[in-house]
Amino acid sequence: MSQENNVIPIPDIEIVTTILNNYKQLKNSLTEIRTVLNSQELDTLKESSNQVTRLIRQVQRTRCDYLSFDVISPYLARTEQLIFISKINKPDVSSILTFVPDQSIQKLRGIEILREASSIFAQVADFDMIVESHSSVRKQFFNVYDKFQEAGGTKFEEFKAIKTVADQVKLKHATIVPCEERWWGK
């Protein structure tokens, strides 16, 4: 089966934004509940406080998992798939018209596929999203970043934003806390 016919599905970024905003509202509500519970007598509300704490941990974990494995990772996988497909067409962005017409058309196709990869990659090249993801997804981000550069992705406009995020994440790498803690602590 051809890679082009086996498209990796990615969620619509507007839906992702809505879901992440809902997580933010849930975080605010739970923080408020925790504040109210902490102001009460601990003996009578200890179990309620423990339940809220467990719920907070669950929200932190599910948000991190959602962001990592339902959003960022599929976008990166789709980007990597497109990079692979573009390499089959052997695009050389700087020397597109140096070959016979049939080969030039194939190269143009490869460049268009790489351009699509660039657009998809840029949608998840967001500093907060990357550092709030699991470490395995951050590794995936840098793996795709390297492959994107090797394939010639540096020629596209989106690369500047992607590179900026990659550089920022590299600088902060030593201070990145687990994704569950980072998001909740903001």
C-alpha atoms as a PDB file:
ATOM      1  CA  MET A   1       0.000   0.000   0.000  1.00  0.00           C
ATOM      2  CA  SER A   2       1.319   3.438  -0.918  1.00  0.00           C
ATOM      3  CA  GLN A   3       2.242   5.865   1.864  1.00  0.00           C
ATOM      4  CA  GLU A   4       0.175   8.539   0.137  1.00  0.00           C
ATOM      5  CA  ASN A   5      -2.966   6.424   0.456  1.00  0.00           C
ATOM      6  CA  ASN A   6      -2.320   5.620   4.109  1.00  0.00           C
ATOM      7  CA  VAL A   7      -2.743   9.111   5.555  1.00  0.00           C
ATOM      8  CA  ILE A   8      -2.111   9.554   9.266  1.00  0.00           C
ATOM      9  CA  PRO A   9      -5.153  11.382  10.681  1.00  0.00           C
ATOM     10  CA  ILE A  10      -4.595  14.581  12.635  1.00  0.00           C
ATOM     11  CA  PRO A  11      -7.142  16.465  14.746  1.00  0.00           C
ATOM     12  CA  ASP A  12      -8.379  19.857  13.631  1.00  0.00           C
ATOM     13  CA  ILE A  13      -6.387  22.532  15.486  1.00  0.00           C
ATOM     14  CA  GLU A  14      -9.580  24.464  16.369  1.00  0.00           C
ATOM     15  CA  ILE A  15     -10.972  21.410  18.142  1.00  0.00           C
ATOM     16  CA  VAL A  16      -7.650  21.003  19.941  1.00  0.00           C
ATOM     17  CA  THR A  17      -7.807  24.628  21.102  1.00  0.00           C
ATOM     18  CA  THR A  18     -11.356  24.138  22.399  1.00  0.00           C
ATOM     19  CA  ILE A  19     -10.384  21.001  24.311  1.00  0.00           C
ATOM     20  CA  LEU A  20      -7.300  22.665  25.806  1.00  0.00           C
ATOM     21  CA  ASN A  21      -9.445  25.638  26.867  1.00  0.00           C
ATOM     22  CA  ASN A  22     -11.843  23.204  28.554  1.00  0.00           C
ATOM     23  CA  TYR A  23      -8.899  21.719  30.443  1.00  0.00           C
ATOM     24  CA  LYS A  24      -7.956  25.237  31.539  1.00  0.00           C
ATOM     25  CA  GLN A  25     -11.504  25.816  32.864  1.00  0.00           C
ATOM     26  CA  LEU A  26     -11.368  22.494  34.689  1.00  0.00           C
ATOM     27  CA  LYS A  27      -8.033  23.474  36.202  1.00  0.00           C
ATOM     28  CA  ASN A  28      -9.452  26.794  37.414  1.00  0.00           C
ATOM     29  CA  SER A  29     -12.516  25.101  38.917  1.00  0.00           C
ATOM     30  CA  LEU A  30     -10.463  22.487  40.732  1.00  0.00           C
ATOM     31  CA  THR A  31      -8.075  25.128  42.029  1.00  0.00           C
ATOM     32  CA  GLU A  32     -11.062  27.049  43.384  1.00  0.00           C
ATOM     33  CA  ILE A  33     -12.502  23.920  45.024  1.00  0.00           C
ATOM     34  CA  ARG A  34      -9.145  23.127  46.584  1.00  0.00           C
ATOM     35  CA  THR A  35      -8.907  26.671  47.982  1.00  0.00           C
ATOM     36  CA  VAL A  36     -12.379  26.416  49.527  1.00  0.00           C
ATOM     37  CA  LEU A  37     -11.636  22.997  50.993  1.00  0.00           C
ATOM     38  CA  ASN A  38      -8.325  24.141  52.423  1.00  0.00           C
ATOM     39  CA  SER A  39     -10.084  26.954  54.259  1.00  0.00           C
ATOM     40  CA  GLN A  40     -12.385  24.474  56.065  1.00  0.00           C
ATOM     41  CA  GLU A  41     -11.603  22.271  59.038  1.00  0.00           C
ATOM     42  CA  LEU A  42      -9.320  19.510  57.822  1.00  0.00           C
ATOM     43  CA  ASP A  43     -10.812  16.784  59.990  1.00  0.00           C
ATOM     44  CA  THR A  44     -14.256  17.070  58.413  1.00  0.00           C
ATOM     45  CA  LEU A  45     -13.102  17.637  54.875  1.00  0.00           C
ATOM     46  CA  LYS A  46     -10.020  15.464  54.637  1.00  0.00           C
ATOM     47  CA  GLU A  47     -11.656  12.861  52.372  1.00  0.00           C
ATOM     48  CA  SER A  48     -13.094  15.586  50.108  1.00  0.00           C
ATOM     49  CA  SER A  49      -9.694  17.178  49.872  1.00  0.00           C
ATOM     50  CA  ASN A  50      -8.103  13.829  48.991  1.00  0.00           C
ATOM     51  CA  GLN A  51     -10.718  13.256  46.280  1.00  0.00           C
ATOM     52  CA  VAL A  52     -10.020  16.670  44.777  1.00  0.00           C
ATOM     53  CA  THR A  53      -6.288  15.967  44.862  1.00  0.00           C
ATOM     54  CA  ARG A  54      -6.829  12.652  43.036  1.00  0.00           C
ATOM     55  CA  LEU A  55      -9.057  14.395  40.510  1.00  0.00           C
ATOM     56  CA  ILE A  56      -6.421  17.075  39.946  1.00  0.00           C
ATOM     57  CA  ARG A  57      -3.777  14.418  39.274  1.00  0.00           C
ATOM     58  CA  GLN A  58      -6.110  12.660  36.867  1.00  0.00           C
ATOM     59  CA  VAL A  59      -6.853  15.904  35.000  1.00  0.00           C
ATOM     60  CA  GLN A  60      -3.144  16.697  34.819  1.00  0.00           C
ATOM     61  CA  ARG A  61      -2.329  13.241  33.477  1.00  0.00           C
ATOM     62  CA  THR A  62      -5.160  13.069  30.933  1.00  0.00           C
ATOM     63  CA  ARG A  63      -4.413  16.553  29.610  1.00  0.00           C
ATOM     64  CA  CYS A  64      -0.747  15.695  29.214  1.00  0.00           C
ATOM     65  CA  ASP A  65      -1.621  12.416  27.494  1.00  0.00           C
ATOM     66  CA  TYR A  66      -4.164  14.128  25.228  1.00  0.00           C
ATOM     67  CA  LEU A  67      -1.760  16.891  24.231  1.00  0.00           C
ATOM     68  CA  SER A  68       1.118  14.457  23.737  1.00  0.00           C
ATOM     69  CA  PHE A  69      -0.479  11.475  22.044  1.00  0.00           C
ATOM     70  CA  ASP A  70      -3.724  12.741  20.509  1.00  0.00           C
ATOM     71  CA  VAL A  71      -2.457  16.087  19.233  1.00  0.00           C
ATOM     72  CA  ILE A  72       1.286  16.594  18.888  1.00  0.00           C
ATOM     73  CA  SER A  73       2.391  13.049  18.083  1.00  0.00           C
ATOM     74  CA  PRO A  74      -0.085  12.545  15.195  1.00  0.00           C
ATOM     75  CA  TYR A  75       0.926  15.909  13.685  1.00  0.00           C
ATOM     76  CA  LEU A  76       4.580  14.924  13.951  1.00  0.00           C
ATOM     77  CA  ALA A  77       3.865  11.462  12.514  1.00  0.00           C
ATOM     78  CA  ARG A  78       1.992  12.996   9.576  1.00  0.00           C
ATOM     79  CA  THR A  79       4.859  15.449   9.029  1.00  0.00           C
ATOM     80  CA  GLU A  80       7.369  12.596   9.077  1.00  0.00           C
ATOM     81  CA  GLN A  81       5.215  10.598   6.661  1.00  0.00           C
ATOM     82  CA  LEU A  82       5.116  13.535   4.239  1.00  0.00           C
ATOM     83  CA  ILE A  83       8.878  14.022   4.539  1.00  0.00           C
ATOM     84  CA  PHE A  84       9.343  10.358   3.633  1.00  0.00           C
ATOM     85  CA  ILE A  85       7.001  10.678   0.643  1.00  0.00           C
ATOM     86  CA  SER A  86       8.736  13.853  -0.522  1.00  0.00           C
ATOM     87  CA  LYS A  87      12.117  12.090  -0.419  1.00  0.00           C
ATOM     88  CA  ILE A  88      10.765   9.433  -2.766  1.00  0.00           C
ATOM     89  CA  ASN A  89      10.281  12.255  -5.256  1.00  0.00           C
ATOM     90  CA  LYS A  90      13.818  13.504  -4.482  1.00  0.00           C
ATOM     91  CA  PRO A  91      13.120  17.227  -4.195  1.00  0.00           C
ATOM     92  CA  ASP A  92      16.053  19.570  -4.389  1.00  0.00           C
ATOM     93  CA  VAL A  93      14.461  22.928  -3.809  1.00  0.00           C
ATOM     94  CA  SER A  94      17.417  24.873  -5.226  1.00  0.00           C
ATOM     95  CA  SER A  95      17.767  22.991  -8.534  1.00  0.00           C
ATOM     96  CA  ILE A  96      14.226  22.248  -9.597  1.00  0.00           C
ATOM     97  CA  LEU A  97      14.506  23.043 -13.296  1.00  0.00           C
ATOM     98  CA  THR A  98      17.856  21.418 -14.036  1.00  0.00           C
ATOM     99  CA  PHE A  99      16.327  18.134 -15.160  1.00  0.00           C
ATOM    100  CA  VAL A 100      14.161  16.952 -17.971  1.00  0.00           C
ATOM    101  CA  PRO A 101      10.490  17.964 -17.703  1.00  0.00           C
ATOM    102  CA  ASP A 102       9.201  14.636 -16.334  1.00  0.00           C
ATOM    103  CA  GLN A 103      11.770  14.696 -13.547  1.00  0.00           C
ATOM    104  CA  SER A 104      11.045  18.367 -12.852  1.00  0.00           C
ATOM    105  CA  ILE A 105       7.350  17.571 -12.418  1.00  0.00           C
ATOM    106  CA  GLN A 106       8.238  14.779 -10.009  1.00  0.00           C
ATOM    107  CA  LYS A 107      10.504  17.158  -8.089  1.00  0.00           C
ATOM    108  CA  LEU A 108       7.765  19.789  -7.981  1.00  0.00           C
ATOM    109  CA  ARG A 109       5.456  17.169  -6.508  1.00  0.00           C
ATOM    110  CA  GLY A 110       8.083  16.366  -3.877  1.00  0.00           C
ATOM    111  CA  ILE A 111       8.461  20.040  -3.015  1.00  0.00           C
ATOM    112  CA  GLU A 112       4.692  20.474  -2.691  1.00  0.00           C
ATOM    113  CA  ILE A 113       4.552  17.487  -0.360  1.00  0.00           C
ATOM    114  CA  LEU A 114       7.415  18.942   1.702  1.00  0.00           C
ATOM    115  CA  ARG A 115       5.584  22.291   1.776  1.00  0.00           C
ATOM    116  CA  GLU A 116       2.519  20.491   3.179  1.00  0.00           C
ATOM    117  CA  ALA A 117       4.768  18.840   5.792  1.00  0.00           C
ATOM    118  CA  SER A 118       6.095  22.279   6.698  1.00  0.00           C
ATOM    119  CA  SER A 119       2.588  23.625   7.210  1.00  0.00           C
ATOM    120  CA  ILE A 120       1.524  20.684   9.388  1.00  0.00           C
ATOM    121  CA  PHE A 121       4.749  20.780  11.417  1.00  0.00           C
ATOM    122  CA  ALA A 122       4.346  24.508  12.089  1.00  0.00           C
ATOM    123  CA  GLN A 123       0.912  23.938  13.649  1.00  0.00           C
ATOM    124  CA  VAL A 124       2.426  22.070  16.609  1.00  0.00           C
ATOM    125  CA  ALA A 125       5.706  23.967  16.777  1.00  0.00           C
ATOM    126  CA  ASP A 126       4.575  25.823  19.878  1.00  0.00           C
ATOM    127  CA  PHE A 127       6.932  26.147  22.848  1.00  0.00           C
ATOM    128  CA  ASP A 128       4.301  25.599  25.554  1.00  0.00           C
ATOM    129  CA  MET A 129       2.768  22.642  23.754  1.00  0.00           C
ATOM    130  CA  ILE A 130       6.131  20.953  23.273  1.00  0.00           C
ATOM    131  CA  VAL A 131       7.389  21.424  26.843  1.00  0.00           C
ATOM    132  CA  GLU A 132       3.996  20.380  28.243  1.00  0.00           C
ATOM    133  CA  SER A 133       4.173  17.095  26.332  1.00  0.00           C
ATOM    134  CA  HIS A 134       5.734  13.806  27.397  1.00  0.00           C
ATOM    135  CA  SER A 135       9.498  13.537  26.979  1.00  0.00           C
ATOM    136  CA  SER A 136       9.016  10.851  24.307  1.00  0.00           C
ATOM    137  CA  VAL A 137       7.024  13.335  22.223  1.00  0.00           C
ATOM    138  CA  ARG A 138       9.716  15.990  22.670  1.00  0.00           C
ATOM    139  CA  LYS A 139      12.207  13.419  21.337  1.00  0.00           C
ATOM    140  CA  GLN A 140       9.838  12.750  18.433  1.00  0.00           C
ATOM    141  CA  PHE A 141       9.683  16.519  17.778  1.00  0.00           C
ATOM    142  CA  PHE A 142      13.475  16.745  17.484  1.00  0.00           C
ATOM    143  CA  ASN A 143      13.661  13.588  15.371  1.00  0.00           C
ATOM    144  CA  VAL A 144      11.154  15.054  12.902  1.00  0.00           C
ATOM    145  CA  TYR A 145      12.931  18.424  13.097  1.00  0.00           C
ATOM    146  CA  ASP A 146      16.218  16.794  12.030  1.00  0.00           C
ATOM    147  CA  LYS A 147      14.548  14.871   9.192  1.00  0.00           C
ATOM    148  CA  PHE A 148      12.762  18.036   8.089  1.00  0.00           C
ATOM    149  CA  GLN A 149      16.067  19.907   7.870  1.00  0.00           C
ATOM    150  CA  GLU A 150      17.723  17.045   5.959  1.00  0.00           C
ATOM    151  CA  ALA A 151      14.855  16.963   3.464  1.00  0.00           C
ATOM    152  CA  GLY A 152      15.270  20.657   2.657  1.00  0.00           C
ATOM    153  CA  GLY A 153      12.583  22.102   4.904  1.00  0.00           C
ATOM    154  CA  THR A 154      14.825  25.012   5.863  1.00  0.00           C
ATOM    155  CA  LYS A 155      13.820  26.712   2.611  1.00  0.00           C
ATOM    156  CA  PHE A 156      10.215  27.200   3.729  1.00  0.00           C
ATOM    157  CA  GLU A 157       8.909  30.234   5.577  1.00  0.00           C
ATOM    158  CA  GLU A 158       7.489  28.133   8.440  1.00  0.00           C
ATOM    159  CA  PHE A 159      10.963  26.836   9.267  1.00  0.00           C
ATOM    160  CA  LYS A 160      11.903  30.048  11.094  1.00  0.00           C
ATOM    161  CA  ALA A 161       9.122  29.563  13.651  1.00  0.00           C
ATOM    162  CA  ILE A 162       9.852  25.839  13.955  1.00  0.00           C
ATOM    163  CA  LYS A 163      13.574  26.520  14.484  1.00  0.00           C
ATOM    164  CA  THR A 164      12.840  29.182  17.105  1.00  0.00           C
ATOM    165  CA  VAL A 165      10.731  26.728  19.102  1.00  0.00           C
ATOM    166  CA  ALA A 166      13.337  23.971  18.758  1.00  0.00           C
ATOM    167  CA  ASP A 167      16.071  26.328  19.966  1.00  0.00           C
ATOM    168  CA  GLN A 168      13.966  27.493  22.937  1.00  0.00           C
ATOM    169  CA  VAL A 169      13.149  23.926  23.969  1.00  0.00           C
ATOM    170  CA  LYS A 170      16.838  22.945  23.703  1.00  0.00           C
ATOM    171  CA  LEU A 171      17.786  25.887  25.943  1.00  0.00           C
ATOM    172  CA  LYS A 172      15.174  24.966  28.558  1.00  0.00           C
ATOM    173  CA  HIS A 173      15.737  21.200  28.303  1.00  0.00           C
ATOM    174  CA  ALA A 174      17.483  20.854  31.667  1.00  0.00           C
ATOM    175  CA  THR A 175      14.742  22.734  33.517  1.00  0.00           C
ATOM    176  CA  ILE A 176      11.702  21.065  31.959  1.00  0.00           C
ATOM    177  CA  VAL A 177       9.609  19.391  34.640  1.00  0.00           C
ATOM    178  CA  PRO A 178       7.183  16.536  33.933  1.00  0.00           C
ATOM    179  CA  CYS A 179       4.358  17.666  31.697  1.00  0.00           C
ATOM    180  CA  GLU A 180       1.682  17.234  34.377  1.00  0.00           C
ATOM    181  CA  GLU A 181       3.471  19.566  36.779  1.00  0.00           C
ATOM    182  CA  ARG A 182       4.434  22.206  34.226  1.00  0.00           C
ATOM    183  CA  TRP A 183       0.932  22.925  32.974  1.00  0.00           C
ATOM    184  CA  TRP A 184      -0.707  22.977  36.400  1.00  0.00           C
ATOM    185  CA  GLY A 185       1.967  25.247  37.841  1.00  0.00           C
ATOM    186  CA  LYS A 186       1.317  28.027  35.336  1.00  0.00           C
END
